[in-house]
Amino acid sequence: MRPYGRSKRMRREKWANRMAILGITMVVFCLAIAINTKGADLRKSDLAYAAKEEDLEQQVAAEEERARELEEYKIYVKTKQYAEEVAKEKLGLVNPDEILLKPSE
């Protein structure tokens, strides 16, 4: 026969072990929930950043196209053809060999 004290102590230790395992399980479960929640937030942020990156890449492409057009315009402004167009449109000047026809009203 076993002594009375040992059996009670074993039951108490067994209960303490079960509570420790339950506590550890709860901590691990809470950590898993926290990691999963944070991961979902990070996935949302990643999608938002990907959309923003795509938008910025489109803006960069548009600005590069605009820079190319401005460079072409800069070259065009230096030509004689541009100077003649500006003189005709804004100043009303004509070349010496041109004949102006005005519509009758």
PDB file of N, CA and C in Angstrom:
ATOM      1  N   MET A   1       0.809  -1.179   0.000  1.00  0.00           N
ATOM      2  CA  MET A   1       0.000   0.000   0.000  1.00  0.00           C
ATOM      3  C   MET A   1       0.863   1.257   0.000  1.00  0.00           C
ATOM      4  N   ARG A   2       0.337   2.239  -0.667  1.00  0.00           N
ATOM      5  CA  ARG A   2       1.086   3.483  -0.770  1.00  0.00           C
ATOM      6  C   ARG A   2       0.736   4.408   0.392  1.00  0.00           C
ATOM      7  N   PRO A   3       1.695   5.201   0.722  1.00  0.00           N
ATOM      8  CA  PRO A   3       1.375   6.181   1.759  1.00  0.00           C
ATOM      9  C   PRO A   3       0.443   7.264   1.230  1.00  0.00           C
ATOM     10  N   TYR A   4      -0.321   7.797   2.118  1.00  0.00           N
ATOM     11  CA  TYR A   4      -1.346   8.775   1.760  1.00  0.00           C
ATOM     12  C   TYR A   4      -0.761  10.043   1.158  1.00  0.00           C
ATOM     13  N   GLY A   5       0.288  10.546   1.645  1.00  0.00           N
ATOM     14  CA  GLY A   5       0.882  11.798   1.214  1.00  0.00           C
ATOM     15  C   GLY A   5       1.416  11.756  -0.218  1.00  0.00           C
ATOM     16  N   ARG A   6       1.957  10.643  -0.609  1.00  0.00           N
ATOM     17  CA  ARG A   6       2.549  10.544  -1.929  1.00  0.00           C
ATOM     18  C   ARG A   6       1.481  10.586  -3.022  1.00  0.00           C
ATOM     19  N   SER A   7       0.387   9.932  -2.820  1.00  0.00           N
ATOM     20  CA  SER A   7      -0.689   9.897  -3.800  1.00  0.00           C
ATOM     21  C   SER A   7      -1.268  11.293  -3.997  1.00  0.00           C
ATOM     22  N   LYS A   8      -1.485  12.010  -2.925  1.00  0.00           N
ATOM     23  CA  LYS A   8      -2.015  13.364  -3.016  1.00  0.00           C
ATOM     24  C   LYS A   8      -1.022  14.286  -3.705  1.00  0.00           C
ATOM     25  N   ARG A   9       0.243  14.117  -3.392  1.00  0.00           N
ATOM     26  CA  ARG A   9       1.276  14.942  -4.006  1.00  0.00           C
ATOM     27  C   ARG A   9       1.379  14.646  -5.502  1.00  0.00           C
ATOM     28  N   MET A  10       1.251  13.401  -5.893  1.00  0.00           N
ATOM     29  CA  MET A  10       1.314  13.032  -7.311  1.00  0.00           C
ATOM     30  C   MET A  10       0.133  13.636  -8.067  1.00  0.00           C
ATOM     31  N   ARG A  11      -1.049  13.602  -7.432  1.00  0.00           N
ATOM     32  CA  ARG A  11      -2.213  14.215  -8.074  1.00  0.00           C
ATOM     33  C   ARG A  11      -2.012  15.713  -8.226  1.00  0.00           C
ATOM     34  N   ARG A  12      -1.451  16.337  -7.223  1.00  0.00           N
ATOM     35  CA  ARG A  12      -1.195  17.768  -7.282  1.00  0.00           C
ATOM     36  C   ARG A  12      -0.166  18.083  -8.376  1.00  0.00           C
ATOM     37  N   GLU A  13       0.890  17.296  -8.477  1.00  0.00           N
ATOM     38  CA  GLU A  13       1.900  17.497  -9.518  1.00  0.00           C
ATOM     39  C   GLU A  13       1.315  17.258 -10.906  1.00  0.00           C
ATOM     40  N   LYS A  14       0.477  16.230 -11.002  1.00  0.00           N
ATOM     41  CA  LYS A  14      -0.170  15.942 -12.271  1.00  0.00           C
ATOM     42  C   LYS A  14      -1.058  17.117 -12.689  1.00  0.00           C
ATOM     43  N   TRP A  15      -1.796  17.666 -11.744  1.00  0.00           N
ATOM     44  CA  TRP A  15      -2.659  18.831 -12.015  1.00  0.00           C
ATOM     45  C   TRP A  15      -1.819  20.050 -12.402  1.00  0.00           C
ATOM     46  N   ALA A  16      -0.708  20.252 -11.726  1.00  0.00           N
ATOM     47  CA  ALA A  16       0.178  21.367 -12.031  1.00  0.00           C
ATOM     48  C   ALA A  16       0.775  21.205 -13.430  1.00  0.00           C
ATOM     49  N   ASN A  17       1.132  19.977 -13.791  1.00  0.00           N
ATOM     50  CA  ASN A  17       1.666  19.732 -15.131  1.00  0.00           C
ATOM     51  C   ASN A  17       0.606  20.020 -16.197  1.00  0.00           C
ATOM     52  N   ARG A  18      -0.608  19.592 -15.943  1.00  0.00           N
ATOM     53  CA  ARG A  18      -1.685  19.854 -16.897  1.00  0.00           C
ATOM     54  C   ARG A  18      -1.933  21.355 -17.045  1.00  0.00           C
ATOM     55  N   MET A  19      -1.908  22.077 -15.949  1.00  0.00           N
ATOM     56  CA  MET A  19      -2.119  23.520 -15.996  1.00  0.00           C
ATOM     57  C   MET A  19      -0.965  24.215 -16.730  1.00  0.00           C
ATOM     58  N   ALA A  20       0.251  23.744 -16.523  1.00  0.00           N
ATOM     59  CA  ALA A  20       1.400  24.318 -17.214  1.00  0.00           C
ATOM     60  C   ALA A  20       1.281  24.084 -18.720  1.00  0.00           C
ATOM     61  N   ILE A  21       0.913  22.879 -19.096  1.00  0.00           N
ATOM     62  CA  ILE A  21       0.737  22.568 -20.520  1.00  0.00           C
ATOM     63  C   ILE A  21      -0.391  23.410 -21.105  1.00  0.00           C
ATOM     64  N   LEU A  22      -1.487  23.549 -20.366  1.00  0.00           N
ATOM     65  CA  LEU A  22      -2.601  24.376 -20.821  1.00  0.00           C
ATOM     66  C   LEU A  22      -2.165  25.842 -20.962  1.00  0.00           C
ATOM     67  N   GLY A  23      -1.417  26.334 -20.013  1.00  0.00           N
ATOM     68  CA  GLY A  23      -0.921  27.717 -20.079  1.00  0.00           C
ATOM     69  C   GLY A  23      -0.001  27.929 -21.276  1.00  0.00           C
ATOM     70  N   ILE A  24       0.912  27.007 -21.488  1.00  0.00           N
ATOM     71  CA  ILE A  24       1.821  27.109 -22.632  1.00  0.00           C
ATOM     72  C   ILE A  24       1.042  27.049 -23.940  1.00  0.00           C
ATOM     73  N   THR A  25       0.038  26.170 -23.993  1.00  0.00           N
ATOM     74  CA  THR A  25      -0.791  26.065 -25.189  1.00  0.00           C
ATOM     75  C   THR A  25      -1.534  27.366 -25.457  1.00  0.00           C
ATOM     76  N   MET A  26      -2.054  27.987 -24.426  1.00  0.00           N
ATOM     77  CA  MET A  26      -2.767  29.258 -24.588  1.00  0.00           C
ATOM     78  C   MET A  26      -1.821  30.360 -25.079  1.00  0.00           C
ATOM     79  N   VAL A  27      -0.614  30.406 -24.530  1.00  0.00           N
ATOM     80  CA  VAL A  27       0.361  31.406 -24.963  1.00  0.00           C
ATOM     81  C   VAL A  27       0.706  31.197 -26.434  1.00  0.00           C
ATOM     82  N   VAL A  28       0.945  29.968 -26.834  1.00  0.00           N
ATOM     83  CA  VAL A  28       1.269  29.668 -28.231  1.00  0.00           C
ATOM     84  C   VAL A  28       0.090  30.026 -29.129  1.00  0.00           C
ATOM     85  N   PHE A  29      -1.115  29.723 -28.692  1.00  0.00           N
ATOM     86  CA  PHE A  29      -2.316  30.054 -29.463  1.00  0.00           C
ATOM     87  C   PHE A  29      -2.457  31.571 -29.629  1.00  0.00           C
ATOM     88  N   CYS A  30      -2.241  32.319 -28.559  1.00  0.00           N
ATOM     89  CA  CYS A  30      -2.317  33.788 -28.637  1.00  0.00           C
ATOM     90  C   CYS A  30      -1.241  34.349 -29.569  1.00  0.00           C
ATOM     91  N   LEU A  31      -0.042  33.803 -29.498  1.00  0.00           N
ATOM     92  CA  LEU A  31       1.022  34.241 -30.399  1.00  0.00           C
ATOM     93  C   LEU A  31       0.668  33.939 -31.856  1.00  0.00           C
ATOM     94  N   ALA A  32       0.069  32.784 -32.097  1.00  0.00           N
ATOM     95  CA  ALA A  32      -0.323  32.429 -33.464  1.00  0.00           C
ATOM     96  C   ALA A  32      -1.370  33.409 -33.993  1.00  0.00           C
ATOM     97  N   ILE A  33      -2.321  33.772 -33.148  1.00  0.00           N
ATOM     98  CA  ILE A  33      -3.350  34.737 -33.564  1.00  0.00           C
ATOM     99  C   ILE A  33      -2.709  36.094 -33.847  1.00  0.00           C
ATOM    100  N   ALA A  34      -1.821  36.533 -32.974  1.00  0.00           N
ATOM    101  CA  ALA A  34      -1.162  37.832 -33.168  1.00  0.00           C
ATOM    102  C   ALA A  34      -0.329  37.842 -34.453  1.00  0.00           C
ATOM    103  N   ILE A  35       0.399  36.782 -34.710  1.00  0.00           N
ATOM    104  CA  ILE A  35       1.220  36.699 -35.926  1.00  0.00           C
ATOM    105  C   ILE A  35       0.337  36.679 -37.162  1.00  0.00           C
ATOM    106  N   ASN A  36      -0.760  35.936 -37.103  1.00  0.00           N
ATOM    107  CA  ASN A  36      -1.684  35.872 -38.242  1.00  0.00           C
ATOM    108  C   ASN A  36      -2.307  37.244 -38.517  1.00  0.00           C
ATOM    109  N   THR A  37      -2.704  37.954 -37.479  1.00  0.00           N
ATOM    110  CA  THR A  37      -3.294  39.289 -37.641  1.00  0.00           C
ATOM    111  C   THR A  37      -2.273  40.253 -38.235  1.00  0.00           C
ATOM    112  N   LYS A  38      -1.072  40.243 -37.713  1.00  0.00           N
ATOM    113  CA  LYS A  38      -0.021  41.123 -38.222  1.00  0.00           C
ATOM    114  C   LYS A  38       0.324  40.768 -39.668  1.00  0.00           C
ATOM    115  N   GLY A  39       0.334  39.487 -39.982  1.00  0.00           N
ATOM    116  CA  GLY A  39       0.603  39.047 -41.350  1.00  0.00           C
ATOM    117  C   GLY A  39      -0.454  39.547 -42.318  1.00  0.00           C
ATOM    118  N   ALA A  40      -1.723  39.521 -41.894  1.00  0.00           N
ATOM    119  CA  ALA A  40      -2.798  40.027 -42.749  1.00  0.00           C
ATOM    120  C   ALA A  40      -2.624  41.522 -42.994  1.00  0.00           C
ATOM    121  N   ASP A  41      -2.255  42.260 -41.952  1.00  0.00           N
ATOM    122  CA  ASP A  41      -2.007  43.693 -42.117  1.00  0.00           C
ATOM    123  C   ASP A  41      -0.839  43.935 -43.079  1.00  0.00           C
ATOM    124  N   LEU A  42       0.191  43.130 -42.964  1.00  0.00           N
ATOM    125  CA  LEU A  42       1.344  43.282 -43.852  1.00  0.00           C
ATOM    126  C   LEU A  42       0.981  42.954 -45.295  1.00  0.00           C
ATOM    127  N   ARG A  43       0.128  41.958 -45.505  1.00  0.00           N
ATOM    128  CA  ARG A  43      -0.313  41.631 -46.861  1.00  0.00           C
ATOM    129  C   ARG A  43      -1.113  42.783 -47.460  1.00  0.00           C
ATOM    130  N   LYS A  44      -1.976  43.410 -46.648  1.00  0.00           N
ATOM    131  CA  LYS A  44      -2.733  44.576 -47.119  1.00  0.00           C
ATOM    132  C   LYS A  44      -1.779  45.711 -47.493  1.00  0.00           C
ATOM    133  N   SER A  45      -0.817  45.963 -46.637  1.00  0.00           N
ATOM    134  CA  SER A  45       0.160  47.018 -46.904  1.00  0.00           C
ATOM    135  C   SER A  45       0.952  46.710 -48.169  1.00  0.00           C
ATOM    136  N   ASP A  46       1.303  45.446 -48.342  1.00  0.00           N
ATOM    137  CA  ASP A  46       2.061  45.047 -49.527  1.00  0.00           C
ATOM    138  C   ASP A  46       1.246  45.302 -50.794  1.00  0.00           C
ATOM    139  N   LEU A  47      -0.039  44.977 -50.770  1.00  0.00           N
ATOM    140  CA  LEU A  47      -0.888  45.240 -51.936  1.00  0.00           C
ATOM    141  C   LEU A  47      -1.003  46.736 -52.206  1.00  0.00           C
ATOM    142  N   ALA A  48      -1.150  47.522 -51.146  1.00  0.00           N
ATOM    143  CA  ALA A  48      -1.253  48.975 -51.318  1.00  0.00           C
ATOM    144  C   ALA A  48       0.048  49.536 -51.896  1.00  0.00           C
ATOM    145  N   TYR A  49       1.191  49.053 -51.391  1.00  0.00           N
ATOM    146  CA  TYR A  49       2.480  49.523 -51.895  1.00  0.00           C
ATOM    147  C   TYR A  49       2.701  49.083 -53.338  1.00  0.00           C
ATOM    148  N   ALA A  50       2.238  47.889 -53.690  1.00  0.00           N
ATOM    149  CA  ALA A  50       2.385  47.419 -55.069  1.00  0.00           C
ATOM    150  C   ALA A  50       1.574  48.305 -56.017  1.00  0.00           C
ATOM    151  N   ALA A  51       0.351  48.668 -55.599  1.00  0.00           N
ATOM    152  CA  ALA A  51      -0.478  49.546 -56.428  1.00  0.00           C
ATOM    153  C   ALA A  51       0.174  50.928 -56.546  1.00  0.00           C
ATOM    154  N   LYS A  52       0.707  51.423 -55.452  1.00  0.00           N
ATOM    155  CA  LYS A  52       1.364  52.729 -55.468  1.00  0.00           C
ATOM    156  C   LYS A  52       2.616  52.683 -56.350  1.00  0.00           C
ATOM    157  N   GLU A  53       3.366  51.589 -56.273  1.00  0.00           N
ATOM    158  CA  GLU A  53       4.565  51.441 -57.097  1.00  0.00           C
ATOM    159  C   GLU A  53       4.198  51.425 -58.581  1.00  0.00           C
ATOM    160  N   GLU A  54       3.131  50.710 -58.928  1.00  0.00           N
ATOM    161  CA  GLU A  54       2.689  50.670 -60.323  1.00  0.00           C
ATOM    162  C   GLU A  54       2.271  52.061 -60.801  1.00  0.00           C
ATOM    163  N   ASP A  55       1.567  52.790 -59.952  1.00  0.00           N
ATOM    164  CA  ASP A  55       1.146  54.149 -60.298  1.00  0.00           C
ATOM    165  C   ASP A  55       2.361  55.055 -60.505  1.00  0.00           C
ATOM    166  N   LEU A  56       3.342  54.936 -59.636  1.00  0.00           N
ATOM    167  CA  LEU A  56       4.549  55.746 -59.763  1.00  0.00           C
ATOM    168  C   LEU A  56       5.340  55.392 -61.012  1.00  0.00           C
ATOM    169  N   GLU A  57       5.364  54.105 -61.362  1.00  0.00           N
ATOM    170  CA  GLU A  57       6.053  53.697 -62.583  1.00  0.00           C
ATOM    171  C   GLU A  57       5.360  54.296 -63.809  1.00  0.00           C
ATOM    172  N   GLN A  58       4.025  54.342 -63.788  1.00  0.00           N
ATOM    173  CA  GLN A  58       3.290  54.963 -64.884  1.00  0.00           C
ATOM    174  C   GLN A  58       3.598  56.458 -64.953  1.00  0.00           C
ATOM    175  N   GLN A  59       3.680  57.106 -63.807  1.00  0.00           N
ATOM    176  CA  GLN A  59       4.011  58.527 -63.781  1.00  0.00           C
ATOM    177  C   GLN A  59       5.420  58.771 -64.322  1.00  0.00           C
ATOM    178  N   VAL A  60       6.350  57.899 -63.964  1.00  0.00           N
ATOM    179  CA  VAL A  60       7.724  58.035 -64.460  1.00  0.00           C
ATOM    180  C   VAL A  60       7.736  57.885 -65.975  1.00  0.00           C
ATOM    181  N   ALA A  61       7.007  56.907 -66.503  1.00  0.00           N
ATOM    182  CA  ALA A  61       6.957  56.707 -67.960  1.00  0.00           C
ATOM    183  C   ALA A  61       6.343  57.929 -68.638  1.00  0.00           C
ATOM    184  N   ALA A  62       5.287  58.483 -68.037  1.00  0.00           N
ATOM    185  CA  ALA A  62       4.646  59.670 -68.617  1.00  0.00           C
ATOM    186  C   ALA A  62       5.606  60.859 -68.606  1.00  0.00           C
ATOM    187  N   GLU A  63       6.335  61.022 -67.525  1.00  0.00           N
ATOM    188  CA  GLU A  63       7.283  62.139 -67.436  1.00  0.00           C
ATOM    189  C   GLU A  63       8.455  61.953 -68.407  1.00  0.00           C
ATOM    190  N   GLU A  64       8.878  60.715 -68.593  1.00  0.00           N
ATOM    191  CA  GLU A  64       9.941  60.471 -69.569  1.00  0.00           C
ATOM    192  C   GLU A  64       9.450  60.799 -70.977  1.00  0.00           C
ATOM    193  N   GLU A  65       8.215  60.442 -71.289  1.00  0.00           N
ATOM    194  CA  GLU A  65       7.619  60.781 -72.587  1.00  0.00           C
ATOM    195  C   GLU A  65       7.520  62.295 -72.742  1.00  0.00           C
ATOM    196  N   ARG A  66       7.097  62.970 -71.704  1.00  0.00           N
ATOM    197  CA  ARG A  66       6.989  64.431 -71.730  1.00  0.00           C
ATOM    198  C   ARG A  66       8.363  65.073 -71.925  1.00  0.00           C
ATOM    199  N   ALA A  67       9.381  64.536 -71.260  1.00  0.00           N
ATOM    200  CA  ALA A  67      10.741  65.058 -71.406  1.00  0.00           C
ATOM    201  C   ALA A  67      11.227  64.876 -72.842  1.00  0.00           C
ATOM    202  N   ARG A  68      10.897  63.726 -73.441  1.00  0.00           N
ATOM    203  CA  ARG A  68      11.287  63.482 -74.828  1.00  0.00           C
ATOM    204  C   ARG A  68      10.594  64.480 -75.756  1.00  0.00           C
ATOM    205  N   GLU A  69       9.295  64.710 -75.523  1.00  0.00           N
ATOM    206  CA  GLU A  69       8.554  65.676 -76.340  1.00  0.00           C
ATOM    207  C   GLU A  69       9.112  67.088 -76.174  1.00  0.00           C
ATOM    208  N   LEU A  70       9.454  67.450 -74.954  1.00  0.00           N
ATOM    209  CA  LEU A  70      10.037  68.778 -74.721  1.00  0.00           C
ATOM    210  C   LEU A  70      11.400  68.913 -75.405  1.00  0.00           C
ATOM    211  N   GLU A  71      12.160  67.850 -75.415  1.00  0.00           N
ATOM    212  CA  GLU A  71      13.458  67.880 -76.093  1.00  0.00           C
ATOM    213  C   GLU A  71      13.263  68.069 -77.595  1.00  0.00           C
ATOM    214  N   GLU A  72      12.274  67.376 -78.165  1.00  0.00           N
ATOM    215  CA  GLU A  72      11.966  67.557 -79.583  1.00  0.00           C
ATOM    216  C   GLU A  72      11.495  68.982 -79.854  1.00  0.00           C
ATOM    217  N   TYR A  73      10.667  69.519 -78.963  1.00  0.00           N
ATOM    218  CA  TYR A  73      10.180  70.888 -79.126  1.00  0.00           C
ATOM    219  C   TYR A  73      11.334  71.890 -79.018  1.00  0.00           C
ATOM    220  N   LYS A  74      12.262  71.625 -78.130  1.00  0.00           N
ATOM    221  CA  LYS A  74      13.431  72.486 -77.964  1.00  0.00           C
ATOM    222  C   LYS A  74      14.237  72.536 -79.258  1.00  0.00           C
ATOM    223  N   ILE A  75      14.377  71.390 -79.891  1.00  0.00           N
ATOM    224  CA  ILE A  75      15.097  71.343 -81.162  1.00  0.00           C
ATOM    225  C   ILE A  75      14.297  72.082 -82.245  1.00  0.00           C
ATOM    226  N   TYR A  76      12.975  71.878 -82.251  1.00  0.00           N
ATOM    227  CA  TYR A  76      12.106  72.518 -83.241  1.00  0.00           C
ATOM    228  C   TYR A  76      12.124  74.040 -83.098  1.00  0.00           C
ATOM    229  N   VAL A  77      12.178  74.534 -81.869  1.00  0.00           N
ATOM    230  CA  VAL A  77      12.173  75.976 -81.622  1.00  0.00           C
ATOM    231  C   VAL A  77      13.403  76.643 -82.247  1.00  0.00           C
ATOM    232  N   LYS A  78      14.475  75.909 -82.374  1.00  0.00           N
ATOM    233  CA  LYS A  78      15.706  76.469 -82.928  1.00  0.00           C
ATOM    234  C   LYS A  78      15.721  76.486 -84.458  1.00  0.00           C
ATOM    235  N   THR A  79      14.682  75.961 -85.097  1.00  0.00           N
ATOM    236  CA  THR A  79      14.666  75.897 -86.556  1.00  0.00           C
ATOM    237  C   THR A  79      14.119  77.178 -87.168  1.00  0.00           C
ATOM    238  N   LYS A  80      14.416  77.347 -88.449  1.00  0.00           N
ATOM    239  CA  LYS A  80      13.943  78.501 -89.201  1.00  0.00           C
ATOM    240  C   LYS A  80      12.427  78.417 -89.405  1.00  0.00           C
ATOM    241  N   GLN A  81      11.921  77.220 -89.579  1.00  0.00           N
ATOM    242  CA  GLN A  81      10.479  77.013 -89.794  1.00  0.00           C
ATOM    243  C   GLN A  81       9.671  77.557 -88.612  1.00  0.00           C
ATOM    244  N   TYR A  82      10.143  77.317 -87.404  1.00  0.00           N
ATOM    245  CA  TYR A  82       9.446  77.819 -86.218  1.00  0.00           C
ATOM    246  C   TYR A  82       9.452  79.347 -86.201  1.00  0.00           C
ATOM    247  N   ALA A  83      10.599  79.935 -86.514  1.00  0.00           N
ATOM    248  CA  ALA A  83      10.700  81.400 -86.513  1.00  0.00           C
ATOM    249  C   ALA A  83       9.735  81.999 -87.529  1.00  0.00           C
ATOM    250  N   GLU A  84       9.619  81.366 -88.707  1.00  0.00           N
ATOM    251  CA  GLU A  84       8.678  81.854 -89.720  1.00  0.00           C
ATOM    252  C   GLU A  84       7.228  81.734 -89.249  1.00  0.00           C
ATOM    253  N   GLU A  85       6.895  80.622 -88.623  1.00  0.00           N
ATOM    254  CA  GLU A  85       5.528  80.429 -88.126  1.00  0.00           C
ATOM    255  C   GLU A  85       5.169  81.478 -87.084  1.00  0.00           C
ATOM    256  N   VAL A  86       6.073  81.735 -86.157  1.00  0.00           N
ATOM    257  CA  VAL A  86       5.808  82.727 -85.114  1.00  0.00           C
ATOM    258  C   VAL A  86       5.670  84.111 -85.732  1.00  0.00           C
ATOM    259  N   ALA A  87       6.517  84.424 -86.700  1.00  0.00           N
ATOM    260  CA  ALA A  87       6.451  85.731 -87.349  1.00  0.00           C
ATOM    261  C   ALA A  87       5.124  85.900 -88.089  1.00  0.00           C
ATOM    262  N   LYS A  88       4.644  84.851 -88.724  1.00  0.00           N
ATOM    263  CA  LYS A  88       3.371  84.926 -89.449  1.00  0.00           C
ATOM    264  C   LYS A  88       2.190  85.022 -88.487  1.00  0.00           C
ATOM    265  N   GLU A  89       2.167  84.177 -87.490  1.00  0.00           N
ATOM    266  CA  GLU A  89       1.004  84.100 -86.595  1.00  0.00           C
ATOM    267  C   GLU A  89       0.919  85.303 -85.654  1.00  0.00           C
ATOM    268  N   LYS A  90       1.986  85.597 -84.998  1.00  0.00           N
ATOM    269  CA  LYS A  90       1.930  86.615 -83.944  1.00  0.00           C
ATOM    270  C   LYS A  90       2.227  88.024 -84.443  1.00  0.00           C
ATOM    271  N   LEU A  91       3.115  88.132 -85.402  1.00  0.00           N
ATOM    272  CA  LEU A  91       3.510  89.455 -85.858  1.00  0.00           C
ATOM    273  C   LEU A  91       2.858  89.852 -87.179  1.00  0.00           C
ATOM    274  N   GLY A  92       2.275  88.881 -87.872  1.00  0.00           N
ATOM    275  CA  GLY A  92       1.613  89.170 -89.138  1.00  0.00           C
ATOM    276  C   GLY A  92       2.581  89.440 -90.275  1.00  0.00           C
ATOM    277  N   LEU A  93       3.790  89.010 -90.167  1.00  0.00           N
ATOM    278  CA  LEU A  93       4.786  89.227 -91.216  1.00  0.00           C
ATOM    279  C   LEU A  93       4.635  88.175 -92.312  1.00  0.00           C
ATOM    280  N   VAL A  94       5.109  88.492 -93.513  1.00  0.00           N
ATOM    281  CA  VAL A  94       5.083  87.556 -94.639  1.00  0.00           C
ATOM    282  C   VAL A  94       6.441  87.574 -95.323  1.00  0.00           C
ATOM    283  N   ASN A  95       6.714  86.534 -96.073  1.00  0.00           N
ATOM    284  CA  ASN A  95       7.938  86.480 -96.878  1.00  0.00           C
ATOM    285  C   ASN A  95       7.790  87.432 -98.064  1.00  0.00           C
ATOM    286  N   PRO A  96       8.884  87.930 -98.593  1.00  0.00           N
ATOM    287  CA  PRO A  96       8.812  88.871 -99.719  1.00  0.00           C
ATOM    288  C   PRO A  96       8.159  88.257-100.959  1.00  0.00           C
ATOM    289  N   ASP A  97       8.286  86.966-101.193  1.00  0.00           N
ATOM    290  CA  ASP A  97       7.729  86.352-102.391  1.00  0.00           C
ATOM    291  C   ASP A  97       6.306  85.815-102.192  1.00  0.00           C
ATOM    292  N   GLU A  98       5.689  86.046-101.048  1.00  0.00           N
ATOM    293  CA  GLU A  98       4.330  85.564-100.789  1.00  0.00           C
ATOM    294  C   GLU A  98       3.293  86.611-101.180  1.00  0.00           C
ATOM    295  N   ILE A  99       2.163  86.128-101.646  1.00  0.00           N
ATOM    296  CA  ILE A  99       1.044  86.992-101.994  1.00  0.00           C
ATOM    297  C   ILE A  99      -0.079  86.678-101.021  1.00  0.00           C
ATOM    298  N   LEU A 100      -0.606  87.697-100.388  1.00  0.00           N
ATOM    299  CA  LEU A 100      -1.689  87.502 -99.430  1.00  0.00           C
ATOM    300  C   LEU A 100      -3.015  87.686-100.128  1.00  0.00           C
ATOM    301  N   LEU A 101      -3.880  86.757 -99.897  1.00  0.00           N
ATOM    302  CA  LEU A 101      -5.240  86.853-100.405  1.00  0.00           C
ATOM    303  C   LEU A 101      -6.172  87.018 -99.226  1.00  0.00           C
ATOM    304  N   LYS A 102      -6.911  88.104 -99.249  1.00  0.00           N
ATOM    305  CA  LYS A 102      -7.850  88.339 -98.155  1.00  0.00           C
ATOM    306  C   LYS A 102      -9.238  88.023 -98.671  1.00  0.00           C
ATOM    307  N   PRO A 103     -10.019  87.308 -97.883  1.00  0.00           N
ATOM    308  CA  PRO A 103     -11.378  86.995 -98.322  1.00  0.00           C
ATOM    309  C   PRO A 103     -12.241  88.263 -98.338  1.00  0.00           C
ATOM    310  N   SER A 104     -13.085  88.350 -99.339  1.00  0.00           N
ATOM    311  CA  SER A 104     -13.970  89.499 -99.395  1.00  0.00           C
ATOM    312  C   SER A 104     -15.172  89.251 -98.509  1.00  0.00           C
ATOM    313  N   GLU A 105     -15.638  90.299 -97.914  1.00  0.00           N
ATOM    314  CA  GLU A 105     -16.722  90.145 -96.952  1.00  0.00           C
ATOM    315  C   GLU A 105     -18.034  90.568 -97.527  1.00  0.00           C
TER     316      GLU A 105
END
